[in-house]
PDB file of N, CA and C in Angstrom:
ATOM      1  N   MET A   1       6.614  -0.239 -19.095  1.00  0.00           N
ATOM      2  CA  MET A   1       7.580  -0.589 -18.079  1.00  0.00           C
ATOM      3  C   MET A   1       7.314  -2.027 -17.640  1.00  0.00           C
ATOM      4  N   PRO A   2       8.311  -2.904 -17.698  1.00  0.00           N
ATOM      5  CA  PRO A   2       8.118  -4.287 -17.285  1.00  0.00           C
ATOM      6  C   PRO A   2       7.747  -4.369 -15.809  1.00  0.00           C
ATOM      7  N   LYS A   3       7.035  -5.460 -15.450  1.00  0.00           N
ATOM      8  CA  LYS A   3       6.547  -5.606 -14.087  1.00  0.00           C
ATOM      9  C   LYS A   3       7.680  -5.689 -13.076  1.00  0.00           C
ATOM     10  N   LYS A   4       8.799  -6.346 -13.442  1.00  0.00           N
ATOM     11  CA  LYS A   4       9.894  -6.509 -12.498  1.00  0.00           C
ATOM     12  C   LYS A   4      10.522  -5.165 -12.148  1.00  0.00           C
ATOM     13  N   ILE A   5      10.712  -4.298 -13.132  1.00  0.00           N
ATOM     14  CA  ILE A   5      11.292  -2.984 -12.879  1.00  0.00           C
ATOM     15  C   ILE A   5      10.325  -2.144 -12.053  1.00  0.00           C
ATOM     16  N   ALA A   6       9.037  -2.223 -12.365  1.00  0.00           N
ATOM     17  CA  ALA A   6       8.041  -1.459 -11.598  1.00  0.00           C
ATOM     18  C   ALA A   6       8.012  -1.922 -10.153  1.00  0.00           C
ATOM     19  N   THR A   7       8.104  -3.228  -9.922  1.00  0.00           N
ATOM     20  CA  THR A   7       8.092  -3.758  -8.563  1.00  0.00           C
ATOM     21  C   THR A   7       9.334  -3.336  -7.801  1.00  0.00           C
ATOM     22  N   GLU A   8      10.497  -3.366  -8.468  1.00  0.00           N
ATOM     23  CA  GLU A   8      11.734  -2.931  -7.811  1.00  0.00           C
ATOM     24  C   GLU A   8      11.669  -1.453  -7.472  1.00  0.00           C
ATOM     25  N   ASN A   9      11.067  -0.660  -8.355  1.00  0.00           N
ATOM     26  CA  ASN A   9      10.913   0.768  -8.120  1.00  0.00           C
ATOM     27  C   ASN A   9      10.023   1.015  -6.893  1.00  0.00           C
ATOM     28  N   ILE A  10       8.910   0.302  -6.800  1.00  0.00           N
ATOM     29  CA  ILE A  10       8.008   0.437  -5.660  1.00  0.00           C
ATOM     30  C   ILE A  10       8.693  -0.038  -4.387  1.00  0.00           C
ATOM     31  N   ASN A  11       9.472  -1.126  -4.468  1.00  0.00           N
ATOM     32  CA  ASN A  11      10.187  -1.629  -3.293  1.00  0.00           C
ATOM     33  C   ASN A  11      11.163  -0.589  -2.760  1.00  0.00           C
ATOM     34  N   ALA A  12      11.877   0.083  -3.654  1.00  0.00           N
ATOM     35  CA  ALA A  12      12.829   1.103  -3.224  1.00  0.00           C
ATOM     36  C   ALA A  12      12.108   2.287  -2.582  1.00  0.00           C
ATOM     37  N   LYS A  13      11.016   2.714  -3.194  1.00  0.00           N
ATOM     38  CA  LYS A  13      10.261   3.835  -2.646  1.00  0.00           C
ATOM     39  C   LYS A  13       9.618   3.470  -1.312  1.00  0.00           C
ATOM     40  N   LEU A  14       9.175   2.236  -1.181  1.00  0.00           N
ATOM     41  CA  LEU A  14       8.571   1.773   0.069  1.00  0.00           C
ATOM     42  C   LEU A  14       9.607   1.703   1.186  1.00  0.00           C
ATOM     43  N   GLY A  15      10.832   1.315   0.841  1.00  0.00           N
ATOM     44  CA  GLY A  15      11.911   1.313   1.827  1.00  0.00           C
ATOM     45  C   GLY A  15      12.214   2.707   2.348  1.00  0.00           C
ATOM     46  N   ILE A  16      12.170   3.703   1.452  1.00  0.00           N
ATOM     47  CA  ILE A  16      12.400   5.092   1.860  1.00  0.00           C
ATOM     48  C   ILE A  16      11.269   5.570   2.772  1.00  0.00           C
ATOM     49  N   VAL A  17      10.043   5.168   2.453  1.00  0.00           N
ATOM     50  CA  VAL A  17       8.904   5.548   3.295  1.00  0.00           C
ATOM     51  C   VAL A  17       9.064   4.959   4.693  1.00  0.00           C
ATOM     52  N   MET A  18       9.499   3.719   4.780  1.00  0.00           N
ATOM     53  CA  MET A  18       9.636   3.068   6.084  1.00  0.00           C
ATOM     54  C   MET A  18      10.731   3.723   6.920  1.00  0.00           C
ATOM     55  N   ARG A  19      11.763   4.257   6.256  1.00  0.00           N
ATOM     56  CA  ARG A  19      12.861   4.897   6.993  1.00  0.00           C
ATOM     57  C   ARG A  19      12.565   6.344   7.361  1.00  0.00           C
ATOM     58  N   SER A  20      11.941   7.103   6.445  1.00  0.00           N
ATOM     59  CA  SER A  20      11.809   8.537   6.684  1.00  0.00           C
ATOM     60  C   SER A  20      10.372   9.005   6.909  1.00  0.00           C
ATOM     61  N   GLY A  21       9.391   8.201   6.553  1.00  0.00           N
ATOM     62  CA  GLY A  21       7.999   8.617   6.704  1.00  0.00           C
ATOM     63  C   GLY A  21       7.305   7.856   7.816  1.00  0.00           C
ATOM     64  N   LYS A  22       5.986   7.853   7.758  1.00  0.00           N
ATOM     65  CA  LYS A  22       5.184   7.129   8.733  1.00  0.00           C
ATOM     66  C   LYS A  22       4.277   6.163   7.995  1.00  0.00           C
ATOM     67  N   ALA A  23       4.280   4.913   8.433  1.00  0.00           N
ATOM     68  CA  ALA A  23       3.438   3.900   7.811  1.00  0.00           C
ATOM     69  C   ALA A  23       2.959   2.921   8.863  1.00  0.00           C
ATOM     70  N   LEU A  24       1.790   2.353   8.624  1.00  0.00           N
ATOM     71  CA  LEU A  24       1.226   1.348   9.503  1.00  0.00           C
ATOM     72  C   LEU A  24       1.181   0.026   8.751  1.00  0.00           C
ATOM     73  N   LEU A  25       1.511  -1.059   9.439  1.00  0.00           N
ATOM     74  CA  LEU A  25       1.467  -2.385   8.840  1.00  0.00           C
ATOM     75  C   LEU A  25       0.275  -3.135   9.402  1.00  0.00           C
ATOM     76  N   GLY A  26      -0.438  -3.794   8.518  1.00  0.00           N
ATOM     77  CA  GLY A  26      -1.542  -4.633   8.971  1.00  0.00           C
ATOM     78  C   GLY A  26      -2.907  -4.086   8.603  1.00  0.00           C
ATOM     79  N   HIS A  27      -3.841  -5.012   8.575  1.00  0.00           N
ATOM     80  CA  HIS A  27      -5.208  -4.716   8.148  1.00  0.00           C
ATOM     81  C   HIS A  27      -5.971  -3.910   9.192  1.00  0.00           C
ATOM     82  N   SER A  28      -5.927  -4.313  10.437  1.00  0.00           N
ATOM     83  CA  SER A  28      -6.745  -3.651  11.459  1.00  0.00           C
ATOM     84  C   SER A  28      -6.259  -2.233  11.748  1.00  0.00           C
ATOM     85  N   GLN A  29      -4.948  -2.041  11.824  1.00  0.00           N
ATOM     86  CA  GLN A  29      -4.423  -0.692  12.036  1.00  0.00           C
ATOM     87  C   GLN A  29      -4.728   0.209  10.844  1.00  0.00           C
ATOM     88  N   GLY A  30      -4.663  -0.361   9.651  1.00  0.00           N
ATOM     89  CA  GLY A  30      -4.983   0.399   8.447  1.00  0.00           C
ATOM     90  C   GLY A  30      -6.434   0.847   8.413  1.00  0.00           C
ATOM     91  N   LEU A  31      -7.355  -0.040   8.822  1.00  0.00           N
ATOM     92  CA  LEU A  31      -8.768   0.325   8.840  1.00  0.00           C
ATOM     93  C   LEU A  31      -9.047   1.426   9.863  1.00  0.00           C
ATOM     94  N   LYS A  32      -8.416   1.334  11.017  1.00  0.00           N
ATOM     95  CA  LYS A  32      -8.610   2.369  12.041  1.00  0.00           C
ATOM     96  C   LYS A  32      -8.142   3.728  11.531  1.00  0.00           C
ATOM     97  N   ALA A  33      -6.981   3.750  10.879  1.00  0.00           N
ATOM     98  CA  ALA A  33      -6.446   5.008  10.354  1.00  0.00           C
ATOM     99  C   ALA A  33      -7.287   5.519   9.182  1.00  0.00           C
ATOM    100  N   LEU A  34      -7.834   4.609   8.362  1.00  0.00           N
ATOM    101  CA  LEU A  34      -8.712   5.023   7.258  1.00  0.00           C
ATOM    102  C   LEU A  34      -9.986   5.670   7.795  1.00  0.00           C
ATOM    103  N   ARG A  35     -10.534   5.111   8.855  1.00  0.00           N
ATOM    104  CA  ARG A  35     -11.745   5.691   9.450  1.00  0.00           C
ATOM    105  C   ARG A  35     -11.492   7.092   9.993  1.00  0.00           C
ATOM    106  N   LYS A  36     -10.282   7.323  10.499  1.00  0.00           N
ATOM    107  CA  LYS A  36      -9.927   8.635  11.027  1.00  0.00           C
ATOM    108  C   LYS A  36      -9.528   9.618   9.933  1.00  0.00           C
ATOM    109  N   GLY A  37      -9.280   9.119   8.713  1.00  0.00           N
ATOM    110  CA  GLY A  37      -8.897   9.980   7.600  1.00  0.00           C
ATOM    111  C   GLY A  37      -7.428  10.347   7.594  1.00  0.00           C
ATOM    112  N   GLN A  38      -6.575   9.547   8.203  1.00  0.00           N
ATOM    113  CA  GLN A  38      -5.156   9.848   8.301  1.00  0.00           C
ATOM    114  C   GLN A  38      -4.341   9.285   7.145  1.00  0.00           C
ATOM    115  N   VAL A  39      -4.865   8.320   6.423  1.00  0.00           N
ATOM    116  CA  VAL A  39      -4.096   7.582   5.425  1.00  0.00           C
ATOM    117  C   VAL A  39      -4.104   8.311   4.090  1.00  0.00           C
ATOM    118  N   LYS A  40      -2.922   8.363   3.443  1.00  0.00           N
ATOM    119  CA  LYS A  40      -2.803   8.958   2.117  1.00  0.00           C
ATOM    120  C   LYS A  40      -2.772   7.908   1.022  1.00  0.00           C
ATOM    121  N   MET A  41      -2.327   6.690   1.377  1.00  0.00           N
ATOM    122  CA  MET A  41      -2.239   5.623   0.382  1.00  0.00           C
ATOM    123  C   MET A  41      -2.228   4.267   1.076  1.00  0.00           C
ATOM    124  N   VAL A  42      -2.843   3.277   0.433  1.00  0.00           N
ATOM    125  CA  VAL A  42      -2.868   1.911   0.951  1.00  0.00           C
ATOM    126  C   VAL A  42      -2.260   0.996  -0.095  1.00  0.00           C
ATOM    127  N   ILE A  43      -1.349   0.128   0.328  1.00  0.00           N
ATOM    128  CA  ILE A  43      -0.747  -0.875  -0.555  1.00  0.00           C
ATOM    129  C   ILE A  43      -1.196  -2.246  -0.058  1.00  0.00           C
ATOM    130  N   VAL A  44      -1.783  -3.040  -0.947  1.00  0.00           N
ATOM    131  CA  VAL A  44      -2.335  -4.342  -0.595  1.00  0.00           C
ATOM    132  C   VAL A  44      -1.604  -5.420  -1.385  1.00  0.00           C
ATOM    133  N   SER A  45      -1.210  -6.499  -0.720  1.00  0.00           N
ATOM    134  CA  SER A  45      -0.495  -7.589  -1.394  1.00  0.00           C
ATOM    135  C   SER A  45      -1.450  -8.385  -2.284  1.00  0.00           C
ATOM    136  N   SER A  46      -0.875  -9.163  -3.185  1.00  0.00           N
ATOM    137  CA  SER A  46      -1.689  -9.895  -4.155  1.00  0.00           C
ATOM    138  C   SER A  46      -2.438 -11.062  -3.530  1.00  0.00           C
ATOM    139  N   ASN A  47      -1.913 -11.636  -2.447  1.00  0.00           N
ATOM    140  CA  ASN A  47      -2.597 -12.776  -1.849  1.00  0.00           C
ATOM    141  C   ASN A  47      -3.340 -12.413  -0.562  1.00  0.00           C
ATOM    142  N   CYS A  48      -3.684 -11.158  -0.421  1.00  0.00           N
ATOM    143  CA  CYS A  48      -4.536 -10.727   0.691  1.00  0.00           C
ATOM    144  C   CYS A  48      -5.919 -11.351   0.481  1.00  0.00           C
ATOM    145  N   PRO A  49      -6.560 -11.852   1.539  1.00  0.00           N
ATOM    146  CA  PRO A  49      -7.888 -12.451   1.367  1.00  0.00           C
ATOM    147  C   PRO A  49      -8.881 -11.479   0.735  1.00  0.00           C
ATOM    148  N   ASN A  50      -9.747 -12.001  -0.110  1.00  0.00           N
ATOM    149  CA  ASN A  50     -10.656 -11.164  -0.889  1.00  0.00           C
ATOM    150  C   ASN A  50     -11.583 -10.321  -0.018  1.00  0.00           C
ATOM    151  N   LEU A  51     -12.033 -10.866   1.098  1.00  0.00           N
ATOM    152  CA  LEU A  51     -12.922 -10.106   1.969  1.00  0.00           C
ATOM    153  C   LEU A  51     -12.209  -8.892   2.561  1.00  0.00           C
ATOM    154  N   ARG A  52     -10.980  -9.084   3.004  1.00  0.00           N
ATOM    155  CA  ARG A  52     -10.205  -7.972   3.543  1.00  0.00           C
ATOM    156  C   ARG A  52      -9.869  -6.959   2.461  1.00  0.00           C
ATOM    157  N   LYS A  53      -9.521  -7.459   1.280  1.00  0.00           N
ATOM    158  CA  LYS A  53      -9.177  -6.568   0.171  1.00  0.00           C
ATOM    159  C   LYS A  53     -10.375  -5.703  -0.226  1.00  0.00           C
ATOM    160  N   SER A  54     -11.549  -6.314  -0.307  1.00  0.00           N
ATOM    161  CA  SER A  54     -12.736  -5.544  -0.683  1.00  0.00           C
ATOM    162  C   SER A  54     -13.125  -4.556   0.411  1.00  0.00           C
ATOM    163  N   GLU A  55     -12.908  -4.911   1.670  1.00  0.00           N
ATOM    164  CA  GLU A  55     -13.186  -3.992   2.763  1.00  0.00           C
ATOM    165  C   GLU A  55     -12.262  -2.771   2.698  1.00  0.00           C
ATOM    166  N   LEU A  56     -10.981  -3.012   2.427  1.00  0.00           N
ATOM    167  CA  LEU A  56     -10.026  -1.914   2.277  1.00  0.00           C
ATOM    168  C   LEU A  56     -10.378  -1.034   1.081  1.00  0.00           C
ATOM    169  N   GLU A  57     -10.757  -1.652  -0.031  1.00  0.00           N
ATOM    170  CA  GLU A  57     -11.140  -0.894  -1.222  1.00  0.00           C
ATOM    171  C   GLU A  57     -12.365  -0.028  -0.947  1.00  0.00           C
ATOM    172  N   TYR A  58     -13.311  -0.557  -0.178  1.00  0.00           N
ATOM    173  CA  TYR A  58     -14.520   0.193   0.146  1.00  0.00           C
ATOM    174  C   TYR A  58     -14.186   1.421   0.991  1.00  0.00           C
ATOM    175  N   TYR A  59     -13.370   1.237   2.036  1.00  0.00           N
ATOM    176  CA  TYR A  59     -12.995   2.365   2.875  1.00  0.00           C
ATOM    177  C   TYR A  59     -12.142   3.380   2.110  1.00  0.00           C
ATOM    178  N   CYS A  60     -11.302   2.913   1.202  1.00  0.00           N
ATOM    179  CA  CYS A  60     -10.508   3.825   0.376  1.00  0.00           C
ATOM    180  C   CYS A  60     -11.401   4.639  -0.552  1.00  0.00           C
ATOM    181  N   MET A  61     -12.436   4.007  -1.067  1.00  0.00           N
ATOM    182  CA  MET A  61     -13.368   4.714  -1.933  1.00  0.00           C
ATOM    183  C   MET A  61     -14.103   5.798  -1.138  1.00  0.00           C
ATOM    184  N   LEU A  62     -14.530   5.479   0.080  1.00  0.00           N
ATOM    185  CA  LEU A  62     -15.250   6.453   0.897  1.00  0.00           C
ATOM    186  C   LEU A  62     -14.367   7.638   1.291  1.00  0.00           C
ATOM    187  N   SER A  63     -13.110   7.359   1.599  1.00  0.00           N
ATOM    188  CA  SER A  63     -12.216   8.431   2.056  1.00  0.00           C
ATOM    189  C   SER A  63     -11.400   9.046   0.921  1.00  0.00           C
ATOM    190  N   LYS A  64     -11.629   8.588  -0.319  1.00  0.00           N
ATOM    191  CA  LYS A  64     -10.914   9.091  -1.502  1.00  0.00           C
ATOM    192  C   LYS A  64      -9.405   8.963  -1.328  1.00  0.00           C
ATOM    193  N   THR A  65      -8.987   7.768  -0.913  1.00  0.00           N
ATOM    194  CA  THR A  65      -7.589   7.455  -0.684  1.00  0.00           C
ATOM    195  C   THR A  65      -7.084   6.566  -1.814  1.00  0.00           C
ATOM    196  N   GLN A  66      -5.829   6.768  -2.220  1.00  0.00           N
ATOM    197  CA  GLN A  66      -5.233   5.931  -3.262  1.00  0.00           C
ATOM    198  C   GLN A  66      -5.055   4.513  -2.737  1.00  0.00           C
ATOM    199  N   ILE A  67      -5.284   3.542  -3.617  1.00  0.00           N
ATOM    200  CA  ILE A  67      -5.007   2.140  -3.280  1.00  0.00           C
ATOM    201  C   ILE A  67      -4.151   1.564  -4.396  1.00  0.00           C
ATOM    202  N   TYR A  68      -3.129   0.803  -4.002  1.00  0.00           N
ATOM    203  CA  TYR A  68      -2.229   0.192  -4.974  1.00  0.00           C
ATOM    204  C   TYR A  68      -2.191  -1.300  -4.703  1.00  0.00           C
ATOM    205  N   HIS A  69      -2.422  -2.097  -5.740  1.00  0.00           N
ATOM    206  CA  HIS A  69      -2.378  -3.549  -5.623  1.00  0.00           C
ATOM    207  C   HIS A  69      -0.958  -4.008  -5.958  1.00  0.00           C
ATOM    208  N   TYR A  70      -0.239  -4.421  -4.929  1.00  0.00           N
ATOM    209  CA  TYR A  70       1.159  -4.837  -5.046  1.00  0.00           C
ATOM    210  C   TYR A  70       1.224  -6.157  -5.797  1.00  0.00           C
ATOM    211  N   MET A  71       2.183  -6.291  -6.710  1.00  0.00           N
ATOM    212  CA  MET A  71       2.280  -7.486  -7.551  1.00  0.00           C
ATOM    213  C   MET A  71       2.783  -8.717  -6.797  1.00  0.00           C
ATOM    214  N   GLY A  72       3.521  -8.513  -5.710  1.00  0.00           N
ATOM    215  CA  GLY A  72       4.084  -9.647  -4.976  1.00  0.00           C
ATOM    216  C   GLY A  72       3.172 -10.146  -3.880  1.00  0.00           C
ATOM    217  N   THR A  73       3.621 -11.198  -3.220  1.00  0.00           N
ATOM    218  CA  THR A  73       2.856 -11.782  -2.125  1.00  0.00           C
ATOM    219  C   THR A  73       3.082 -10.992  -0.844  1.00  0.00           C
ATOM    220  N   ASN A  74       2.418 -11.426   0.226  1.00  0.00           N
ATOM    221  CA  ASN A  74       2.582 -10.732   1.496  1.00  0.00           C
ATOM    222  C   ASN A  74       3.991 -10.908   2.068  1.00  0.00           C
ATOM    223  N   THR A  75       4.664 -11.983   1.732  1.00  0.00           N
ATOM    224  CA  THR A  75       6.055 -12.173   2.147  1.00  0.00           C
ATOM    225  C   THR A  75       6.963 -11.162   1.441  1.00  0.00           C
ATOM    226  N   ASP A  76       6.730 -10.944   0.145  1.00  0.00           N
ATOM    227  CA  ASP A  76       7.499  -9.955  -0.617  1.00  0.00           C
ATOM    228  C   ASP A  76       7.253  -8.536  -0.102  1.00  0.00           C
ATOM    229  N   LEU A  77       6.002  -8.251   0.246  1.00  0.00           N
ATOM    230  CA  LEU A  77       5.676  -6.919   0.756  1.00  0.00           C
ATOM    231  C   LEU A  77       6.333  -6.683   2.113  1.00  0.00           C
ATOM    232  N   GLY A  78       6.365  -7.706   2.948  1.00  0.00           N
ATOM    233  CA  GLY A  78       7.058  -7.586   4.234  1.00  0.00           C
ATOM    234  C   GLY A  78       8.547  -7.358   4.052  1.00  0.00           C
ATOM    235  N   ALA A  79       9.151  -8.046   3.094  1.00  0.00           N
ATOM    236  CA  ALA A  79      10.580  -7.857   2.816  1.00  0.00           C
ATOM    237  C   ALA A  79      10.849  -6.459   2.268  1.00  0.00           C
ATOM    238  N   ALA A  80       9.945  -5.933   1.449  1.00  0.00           N
ATOM    239  CA  ALA A  80      10.108  -4.582   0.917  1.00  0.00           C
ATOM    240  C   ALA A  80      10.024  -3.535   2.024  1.00  0.00           C
ATOM    241  N   CYS A  81       9.280  -3.845   3.077  1.00  0.00           N
ATOM    242  CA  CYS A  81       9.158  -2.932   4.217  1.00  0.00           C
ATOM    243  C   CYS A  81      10.321  -3.083   5.191  1.00  0.00           C
ATOM    244  N   GLY A  82      11.184  -4.051   4.960  1.00  0.00           N
ATOM    245  CA  GLY A  82      12.308  -4.270   5.855  1.00  0.00           C
ATOM    246  C   GLY A  82      11.955  -5.114   7.056  1.00  0.00           C
ATOM    247  N   ARG A  83      10.884  -5.871   6.974  1.00  0.00           N
ATOM    248  CA  ARG A  83      10.440  -6.728   8.070  1.00  0.00           C
ATOM    249  C   ARG A  83      10.648  -8.185   7.673  1.00  0.00           C
ATOM    250  N   TYR A  84      10.764  -9.042   8.669  1.00  0.00           N
ATOM    251  CA  TYR A  84      10.961 -10.465   8.410  1.00  0.00           C
ATOM    252  C   TYR A  84       9.700 -11.272   8.647  1.00  0.00           C
ATOM    253  N   HIS A  85       8.563 -10.636   8.505  1.00  0.00           N
ATOM    254  CA  HIS A  85       7.293 -11.341   8.627  1.00  0.00           C
ATOM    255  C   HIS A  85       6.370 -10.909   7.491  1.00  0.00           C
ATOM    256  N   ARG A  86       5.255 -11.599   7.368  1.00  0.00           N
ATOM    257  CA  ARG A  86       4.327 -11.314   6.273  1.00  0.00           C
ATOM    258  C   ARG A  86       3.486 -10.075   6.576  1.00  0.00           C
ATOM    259  N   VAL A  87       3.282  -9.260   5.542  1.00  0.00           N
ATOM    260  CA  VAL A  87       2.493  -8.030   5.673  1.00  0.00           C
ATOM    261  C   VAL A  87       1.499  -8.005   4.517  1.00  0.00           C
ATOM    262  N   SER A  88       0.208  -8.007   4.830  1.00  0.00           N
ATOM    263  CA  SER A  88      -0.791  -8.013   3.765  1.00  0.00           C
ATOM    264  C   SER A  88      -1.204  -6.616   3.339  1.00  0.00           C
ATOM    265  N   CYS A  89      -0.977  -5.626   4.219  1.00  0.00           N
ATOM    266  CA  CYS A  89      -1.445  -4.275   3.940  1.00  0.00           C
ATOM    267  C   CYS A  89      -0.499  -3.263   4.570  1.00  0.00           C
ATOM    268  N   VAL A  90      -0.147  -2.225   3.819  1.00  0.00           N
ATOM    269  CA  VAL A  90       0.660  -1.116   4.327  1.00  0.00           C
ATOM    270  C   VAL A  90      -0.133   0.165   4.104  1.00  0.00           C
ATOM    271  N   SER A  91      -0.337   0.920   5.167  1.00  0.00           N
ATOM    272  CA  SER A  91      -1.046   2.196   5.082  1.00  0.00           C
ATOM    273  C   SER A  91      -0.033   3.312   5.288  1.00  0.00           C
ATOM    274  N   ILE A  92       0.115   4.174   4.302  1.00  0.00           N
ATOM    275  CA  ILE A  92       1.102   5.252   4.369  1.00  0.00           C
ATOM    276  C   ILE A  92       0.427   6.515   4.904  1.00  0.00           C
ATOM    277  N   LEU A  93       0.929   6.998   6.033  1.00  0.00           N
ATOM    278  CA  LEU A  93       0.412   8.215   6.647  1.00  0.00           C
ATOM    279  C   LEU A  93       1.171   9.443   6.141  1.00  0.00           C
ATOM    280  N   GLU A  94       2.500   9.347   6.104  1.00  0.00           N
ATOM    281  CA  GLU A  94       3.355  10.405   5.584  1.00  0.00           C
ATOM    282  C   GLU A  94       4.425   9.770   4.714  1.00  0.00           C
ATOM    283  N   ALA A  95       4.647  10.316   3.531  1.00  0.00           N
ATOM    284  CA  ALA A  95       5.596   9.726   2.587  1.00  0.00           C
ATOM    285  C   ALA A  95       7.047  10.004   2.953  1.00  0.00           C
ATOM    286  N   GLY A  96       7.310  11.019   3.740  1.00  0.00           N
ATOM    287  CA  GLY A  96       8.688  11.340   4.091  1.00  0.00           C
ATOM    288  C   GLY A  96       9.453  11.850   2.884  1.00  0.00           C
ATOM    289  N   ASP A  97      10.661  11.327   2.662  1.00  0.00           N
ATOM    290  CA  ASP A  97      11.503  11.753   1.535  1.00  0.00           C
ATOM    291  C   ASP A  97      11.137  11.061   0.228  1.00  0.00           C
ATOM    292  N   SER A  98      10.245  10.093   0.263  1.00  0.00           N
ATOM    293  CA  SER A  98       9.878   9.326  -0.916  1.00  0.00           C
ATOM    294  C   SER A  98       8.826  10.064  -1.743  1.00  0.00           C
ATOM    295  N   ASP A  99       8.820   9.794  -3.044  1.00  0.00           N
ATOM    296  CA  ASP A  99       7.793  10.348  -3.927  1.00  0.00           C
ATOM    297  C   ASP A  99       6.832   9.250  -4.373  1.00  0.00           C
ATOM    298  N   ILE A 100       6.531   8.341  -3.470  1.00  0.00           N
ATOM    299  CA  ILE A 100       5.702   7.183  -3.799  1.00  0.00           C
ATOM    300  C   ILE A 100       4.272   7.594  -4.137  1.00  0.00           C
ATOM    301  N   LEU A 101       3.761   8.645  -3.527  1.00  0.00           N
ATOM    302  CA  LEU A 101       2.381   9.057  -3.777  1.00  0.00           C
ATOM    303  C   LEU A 101       2.198   9.531  -5.214  1.00  0.00           C
ATOM    304  N   GLY A 102       3.161  10.251  -5.752  1.00  0.00           N
ATOM    305  CA  GLY A 102       3.073  10.720  -7.128  1.00  0.00           C
ATOM    306  C   GLY A 102       3.431   9.648  -8.139  1.00  0.00           C
ATOM    307  N   ALA A 103       4.369   8.766  -7.784  1.00  0.00           N
ATOM    308  CA  ALA A 103       4.827   7.747  -8.717  1.00  0.00           C
ATOM    309  C   ALA A 103       3.792   6.655  -8.918  1.00  0.00           C
ATOM    310  N   VAL A 104       3.084   6.321  -7.877  1.00  0.00           N
ATOM    311  CA  VAL A 104       2.129   5.221  -7.955  1.00  0.00           C
ATOM    312  C   VAL A 104       0.777   5.686  -8.459  1.00  0.00           C
ATOM    313  N   SER A 105       0.485   6.965  -8.375  1.00  0.00           N
ATOM    314  CA  SER A 105      -0.837   7.446  -8.781  1.00  0.00           C
ATOM    315  C   SER A 105      -1.117   7.183 -10.256  1.00  0.00           C
ATOM    316  N   GLY A 106      -0.083   7.123 -11.086  1.00  0.00           N
ATOM    317  CA  GLY A 106      -0.281   6.820 -12.497  1.00  0.00           C
ATOM    318  C   GLY A 106      -0.656   5.378 -12.741  1.00  0.00           C
ATOM    319  N   SER A 107      -0.250   4.483 -11.844  1.00  0.00           N
ATOM    320  CA  SER A 107      -0.560   3.068 -12.013  1.00  0.00           C
ATOM    321  C   SER A 107      -1.641   2.614 -11.057  1.00  0.00           C
ATOM    322  N   GLN A 108      -2.380   3.566 -10.505  1.00  0.00           N
ATOM    323  CA  GLN A 108      -3.444   3.243  -9.566  1.00  0.00           C
ATOM    324  C   GLN A 108      -4.567   2.502 -10.303  1.00  0.00           C
ATOM    325  N   ILE A 109      -5.106   1.511  -9.658  1.00  0.00           N
ATOM    326  CA  ILE A 109      -6.190   0.746 -10.248  1.00  0.00           C
ATOM    327  C   ILE A 109      -7.508   1.402  -9.869  1.00  0.00           C
ATOM    328  N   SER A 110      -8.302   1.715 -10.849  1.00  0.00           N
ATOM    329  CA  SER A 110      -9.577   2.351 -10.585  1.00  0.00           C
ATOM    330  C   SER A 110     -10.553   1.352  -9.980  1.00  0.00           C
ATOM    331  N   LEU A 111     -11.296   1.772  -8.975  1.00  0.00           N
ATOM    332  CA  LEU A 111     -12.260   0.892  -8.341  1.00  0.00           C
ATOM    333  C   LEU A 111     -13.451   0.612  -9.242  1.00  0.00           C
ATOM    334  N   ASN A 112     -13.669   1.435 -10.253  1.00  0.00           N
ATOM    335  CA  ASN A 112     -14.783   1.214 -11.161  1.00  0.00           C
ATOM    336  C   ASN A 112     -14.534   0.020 -12.084  1.00  0.00           C
ATOM    337  N   ASN A 113     -13.271  -0.341 -12.296  1.00  0.00           N
ATOM    338  CA  ASN A 113     -12.934  -1.435 -13.203  1.00  0.00           C
ATOM    339  C   ASN A 113     -12.929  -2.783 -12.516  1.00  0.00           C
ATOM    340  N   LEU A 114     -13.133  -2.837 -11.211  1.00  0.00           N
ATOM    341  CA  LEU A 114     -13.062  -4.113 -10.484  1.00  0.00           C
ATOM    342  C   LEU A 114     -14.330  -4.891 -10.609  1.00  0.00           C
TER     343      LEU A 114
END
């Protein structure tokens, strides 16, 4: 599957999550929810700072939560969420009507390969 089609597919599923499910935007809110064990999936933009990205990956590994590395920048991720500002991290609490958790699990990046 070409990267552009995969990105458009994720953008559509992310839009459905924002409308019908529950999601948190931002690094600090995502970390708080990860510590509580509420998060089912974390989406991180490609230009998220490395220290923040590694911190999120570490907490995801501890809580056995899916992490997806978004191909676009934080501006693209914010637009996919329907916001007009930059978003470096999206934490999905409930998927709602979207099947993003099952669709992205096949393209999940293993933490062992990093």
